N, C-alpha and C. Protein backbone atom coordinates (compact mmCIF):
# COMPACT_ATOMS: atom_id res chain seq x y z
N MET A 1 2.30 -29.56 36.79
CA MET A 1 3.03 -29.20 38.04
C MET A 1 4.01 -30.42 38.42
N VAL A 2 5.27 -30.21 38.51
CA VAL A 2 6.20 -31.27 38.98
C VAL A 2 6.20 -31.26 40.42
N PRO A 3 6.03 -32.54 40.87
CA PRO A 3 6.09 -32.69 42.29
C PRO A 3 7.30 -32.51 43.07
N ASP A 4 7.37 -32.09 44.31
CA ASP A 4 8.55 -31.76 45.06
C ASP A 4 9.40 -33.13 45.32
N GLU A 5 8.80 -34.15 45.77
CA GLU A 5 9.39 -35.36 46.19
C GLU A 5 9.65 -36.29 44.84
N PRO A 6 10.94 -36.81 44.96
CA PRO A 6 11.46 -37.66 43.78
C PRO A 6 10.13 -38.73 43.68
N GLN A 7 9.98 -39.09 42.19
CA GLN A 7 9.02 -40.08 41.75
C GLN A 7 9.56 -41.29 41.34
N CYS A 8 10.87 -41.26 41.14
CA CYS A 8 11.58 -42.50 40.47
C CYS A 8 12.99 -42.34 40.94
N THR A 9 13.65 -43.51 41.09
CA THR A 9 14.95 -43.67 41.63
C THR A 9 15.82 -44.41 40.45
N ALA A 10 16.91 -43.86 40.13
CA ALA A 10 17.84 -44.41 39.29
C ALA A 10 19.12 -44.74 39.96
N ARG A 11 19.67 -45.96 39.50
CA ARG A 11 20.94 -46.51 40.15
C ARG A 11 21.91 -46.42 38.84
N LEU A 12 23.05 -45.97 39.40
CA LEU A 12 24.22 -45.87 38.46
C LEU A 12 25.34 -46.66 39.09
N ARG A 13 25.96 -47.68 38.19
CA ARG A 13 26.84 -48.47 38.63
C ARG A 13 28.12 -48.40 37.50
N ARG A 14 29.29 -48.34 37.98
CA ARG A 14 30.44 -48.30 37.19
C ARG A 14 30.77 -49.85 36.75
N VAL A 15 30.93 -49.96 35.51
CA VAL A 15 31.13 -51.33 34.93
C VAL A 15 32.35 -51.28 34.10
N GLY A 16 32.93 -52.49 33.96
CA GLY A 16 34.12 -52.65 32.82
C GLY A 16 35.53 -52.06 33.34
N PRO A 17 36.29 -52.09 32.56
CA PRO A 17 37.74 -51.58 32.99
C PRO A 17 37.67 -50.03 33.47
N LEU A 18 38.54 -49.67 34.07
CA LEU A 18 38.48 -48.15 34.75
C LEU A 18 38.67 -47.24 33.64
N ASP A 19 39.51 -47.76 32.62
CA ASP A 19 39.68 -46.69 31.48
C ASP A 19 38.69 -46.81 30.41
N ALA A 20 37.60 -47.67 30.56
CA ALA A 20 36.46 -47.52 29.67
C ALA A 20 35.39 -46.47 30.07
N PHE A 21 35.37 -45.86 31.19
CA PHE A 21 34.61 -44.80 31.65
C PHE A 21 33.17 -45.14 31.34
N ARG A 22 32.57 -46.28 31.78
CA ARG A 22 31.23 -46.94 31.45
C ARG A 22 30.48 -47.00 32.64
N SER A 23 29.27 -46.53 32.62
CA SER A 23 28.41 -46.79 33.84
C SER A 23 26.89 -47.30 33.27
N GLU A 24 26.29 -48.29 34.10
CA GLU A 24 25.09 -48.71 33.74
C GLU A 24 23.96 -47.96 34.65
N VAL A 25 22.92 -47.87 33.98
CA VAL A 25 21.83 -47.08 34.55
C VAL A 25 20.59 -48.09 34.69
N ALA A 26 20.14 -48.31 35.98
CA ALA A 26 18.75 -48.95 36.07
C ALA A 26 17.82 -48.11 36.85
N PHE A 27 16.57 -48.26 36.61
CA PHE A 27 15.49 -47.64 37.26
C PHE A 27 14.73 -48.51 38.18
N ASP A 28 14.59 -48.27 39.57
CA ASP A 28 13.89 -49.13 40.39
C ASP A 28 12.50 -49.33 40.05
N GLY A 29 12.04 -50.66 40.05
CA GLY A 29 10.66 -50.73 39.63
C GLY A 29 10.45 -51.11 38.15
N TYR A 30 11.62 -50.95 37.33
CA TYR A 30 11.53 -51.21 35.89
C TYR A 30 12.37 -52.23 35.53
N GLY A 31 12.05 -53.14 34.62
CA GLY A 31 12.98 -54.13 34.21
C GLY A 31 14.02 -53.59 33.26
N ALA A 32 15.18 -54.38 33.34
CA ALA A 32 16.21 -53.85 32.54
C ALA A 32 15.91 -53.67 31.02
N ARG A 33 14.94 -54.63 30.49
CA ARG A 33 14.73 -54.46 29.15
C ARG A 33 13.61 -53.35 28.98
N THR A 34 13.02 -52.90 30.01
CA THR A 34 11.87 -51.91 29.78
C THR A 34 12.59 -50.49 29.96
N ALA A 35 13.51 -50.27 30.94
CA ALA A 35 14.05 -49.02 31.21
C ALA A 35 15.48 -49.11 31.92
N SER A 36 16.45 -48.95 30.92
CA SER A 36 17.81 -49.11 31.54
C SER A 36 18.72 -48.43 30.30
N GLY A 37 20.00 -48.42 30.64
CA GLY A 37 20.80 -48.02 29.50
C GLY A 37 22.27 -47.88 30.16
N ALA A 38 23.07 -47.20 29.41
CA ALA A 38 24.45 -46.95 29.86
C ALA A 38 25.05 -45.47 29.49
N VAL A 39 25.88 -45.02 30.30
CA VAL A 39 26.65 -43.87 30.01
C VAL A 39 28.06 -43.89 29.91
N VAL A 40 28.64 -43.40 28.95
CA VAL A 40 30.09 -43.83 28.50
C VAL A 40 30.66 -42.40 28.07
N LEU A 41 31.88 -42.06 28.54
CA LEU A 41 32.60 -40.94 28.14
C LEU A 41 32.91 -40.92 26.76
N ALA A 42 32.74 -39.85 26.18
CA ALA A 42 32.87 -39.74 24.60
C ALA A 42 34.16 -39.71 24.17
N SER A 43 35.13 -39.35 25.00
CA SER A 43 36.56 -39.29 24.70
C SER A 43 37.38 -40.58 25.28
N HIS A 44 38.64 -40.55 24.91
CA HIS A 44 39.43 -41.66 25.45
C HIS A 44 40.09 -41.32 26.83
N GLY A 45 39.54 -40.55 27.53
CA GLY A 45 40.08 -40.11 28.86
C GLY A 45 39.22 -38.82 29.48
N ALA A 46 39.30 -38.79 30.78
CA ALA A 46 38.60 -37.64 31.24
C ALA A 46 39.52 -36.32 31.19
N SER A 47 38.64 -35.19 30.92
CA SER A 47 39.26 -34.01 30.66
C SER A 47 38.05 -32.96 30.84
N PRO A 48 38.57 -31.79 31.02
CA PRO A 48 37.57 -30.55 31.34
C PRO A 48 36.55 -30.54 30.21
N THR A 49 36.93 -31.13 29.07
CA THR A 49 35.87 -30.75 27.79
C THR A 49 35.34 -32.15 27.51
N SER A 50 35.53 -33.29 28.23
CA SER A 50 34.85 -34.38 27.94
C SER A 50 33.46 -34.33 28.20
N THR A 51 32.63 -35.10 27.26
CA THR A 51 31.18 -35.08 27.43
C THR A 51 30.77 -36.61 27.33
N LEU A 52 29.42 -37.00 27.73
CA LEU A 52 29.00 -38.16 27.81
C LEU A 52 27.95 -38.72 26.82
N ILE A 53 28.04 -39.99 26.33
CA ILE A 53 27.12 -40.50 25.43
C ILE A 53 26.34 -41.45 26.29
N LEU A 54 24.64 -41.32 25.76
CA LEU A 54 23.91 -42.14 26.46
C LEU A 54 23.41 -43.09 25.37
N THR A 55 23.18 -44.43 26.15
CA THR A 55 22.49 -45.53 25.11
C THR A 55 21.32 -46.06 25.92
N ASP A 56 20.23 -46.65 25.21
CA ASP A 56 19.24 -47.13 25.83
C ASP A 56 19.41 -48.64 26.13
N ALA A 57 18.41 -49.34 26.59
CA ALA A 57 18.58 -50.83 26.94
C ALA A 57 18.96 -51.74 25.64
N SER A 58 18.69 -51.30 24.53
CA SER A 58 19.08 -52.12 23.47
C SER A 58 20.61 -51.53 23.11
N GLY A 59 21.25 -50.69 23.73
CA GLY A 59 22.47 -50.17 23.21
C GLY A 59 22.45 -49.20 22.17
N THR A 60 21.32 -48.68 21.62
CA THR A 60 21.10 -47.62 20.79
C THR A 60 21.43 -46.46 21.42
N GLU A 61 22.31 -45.54 20.71
CA GLU A 61 22.76 -44.29 21.15
C GLU A 61 21.33 -43.40 20.96
N VAL A 62 21.00 -42.50 22.28
CA VAL A 62 19.86 -41.76 22.36
C VAL A 62 20.22 -40.26 22.77
N GLY A 63 21.43 -40.00 22.86
CA GLY A 63 21.89 -38.93 23.33
C GLY A 63 23.47 -38.70 23.52
N ARG A 64 24.03 -37.36 23.23
CA ARG A 64 25.46 -37.17 23.54
C ARG A 64 25.56 -35.87 23.84
N GLY A 65 26.72 -35.54 24.40
CA GLY A 65 27.06 -34.07 24.83
C GLY A 65 26.68 -33.61 26.08
N TYR A 66 26.32 -34.64 27.04
CA TYR A 66 26.08 -34.27 28.53
C TYR A 66 27.11 -33.96 29.28
N ASP A 67 27.06 -32.96 30.22
CA ASP A 67 28.10 -32.60 30.90
C ASP A 67 28.13 -33.19 32.40
N SER A 68 27.26 -34.03 32.59
CA SER A 68 27.06 -34.71 33.86
C SER A 68 26.37 -35.90 33.79
N HIS A 69 26.69 -36.92 34.79
CA HIS A 69 25.98 -38.13 34.67
C HIS A 69 24.42 -37.96 35.07
N ARG A 70 24.40 -36.94 35.79
CA ARG A 70 22.67 -36.52 36.19
C ARG A 70 22.00 -36.18 35.06
N HIS A 71 22.59 -35.22 34.24
CA HIS A 71 21.91 -34.76 33.08
C HIS A 71 21.68 -35.87 32.14
N ALA A 72 22.58 -36.91 31.79
CA ALA A 72 22.31 -37.93 30.98
C ALA A 72 21.34 -38.66 31.46
N ILE A 73 21.28 -39.16 32.82
CA ILE A 73 20.35 -39.94 33.44
C ILE A 73 18.90 -39.51 33.42
N GLU A 74 18.76 -38.12 33.60
CA GLU A 74 17.50 -37.31 33.55
C GLU A 74 16.91 -37.42 31.98
N SER A 75 17.78 -37.25 31.15
CA SER A 75 17.43 -37.61 29.80
C SER A 75 16.92 -38.80 29.30
N LEU A 76 17.64 -39.86 30.05
CA LEU A 76 17.29 -41.20 29.69
C LEU A 76 15.81 -41.49 30.55
N ALA A 77 15.70 -40.89 31.50
CA ALA A 77 14.24 -40.98 32.10
C ALA A 77 13.14 -40.30 31.24
N HIS A 78 13.44 -39.24 30.68
CA HIS A 78 12.62 -38.51 29.67
C HIS A 78 12.28 -39.54 28.42
N HIS A 79 13.29 -40.20 28.10
CA HIS A 79 13.23 -41.03 26.82
C HIS A 79 12.26 -42.05 27.18
N TYR A 80 12.31 -42.46 28.29
CA TYR A 80 11.35 -43.80 28.80
C TYR A 80 10.09 -43.23 29.15
N GLY A 81 9.68 -41.94 29.39
CA GLY A 81 8.74 -41.30 29.87
C GLY A 81 8.46 -41.63 31.36
N LEU A 82 9.61 -41.79 32.12
CA LEU A 82 9.48 -42.06 33.59
C LEU A 82 9.10 -40.81 34.27
N PRO A 83 8.40 -40.93 35.39
CA PRO A 83 8.11 -39.78 36.26
C PRO A 83 9.00 -39.00 36.81
N MET A 84 9.00 -37.76 36.79
CA MET A 84 10.01 -36.74 37.52
C MET A 84 9.49 -36.02 38.55
N PRO A 85 10.37 -35.56 39.39
CA PRO A 85 11.92 -35.69 39.55
C PRO A 85 12.20 -37.11 39.95
N LEU A 86 13.63 -37.30 39.67
CA LEU A 86 14.09 -38.68 40.10
C LEU A 86 15.27 -38.41 41.03
N THR A 87 15.56 -39.44 41.79
CA THR A 87 16.90 -39.61 42.58
C THR A 87 17.79 -40.41 42.05
N VAL A 88 18.99 -39.82 42.05
CA VAL A 88 20.06 -40.81 41.53
C VAL A 88 20.87 -41.32 42.60
N ILE A 89 21.18 -42.61 42.75
CA ILE A 89 21.96 -43.20 43.68
C ILE A 89 23.26 -43.75 42.85
N ASP A 90 24.48 -43.35 43.11
CA ASP A 90 25.70 -43.74 42.71
C ASP A 90 26.17 -45.01 43.48
N GLU A 91 26.13 -46.03 42.79
CA GLU A 91 26.61 -47.24 43.56
C GLU A 91 27.90 -47.58 43.52
N GLY A 92 28.72 -46.87 42.69
CA GLY A 92 30.10 -47.16 42.58
C GLY A 92 30.43 -48.16 41.71
N ARG A 93 31.42 -48.75 41.81
CA ARG A 93 32.06 -50.13 41.11
C ARG A 93 31.55 -51.47 41.53
N ARG A 94 31.28 -52.36 40.75
CA ARG A 94 30.94 -53.71 41.04
C ARG A 94 32.12 -54.25 41.67
N THR A 95 32.06 -55.12 42.67
CA THR A 95 33.15 -55.80 43.36
C THR A 95 33.43 -57.13 42.85
């Protein structure tokens, strides 16, 4: 049975140039080398048919075709075997 309360927190932060459409994902309580990754737009610009590519901490692609950052982050959490459900906090861009 899946708990009602979030068991894990993921933090999403946009990085790089605006036209790179790249975000880093980190999970509270887990080191960057243990459980982290990136979500990148699969095309060269945002459009209604754009999908996302997911990479793990080593930069290896672990999924593609996601329609939202949340779906990609949930897949990354499953990839690492992290407890579900999770909370996603969008931290925006680095300043």
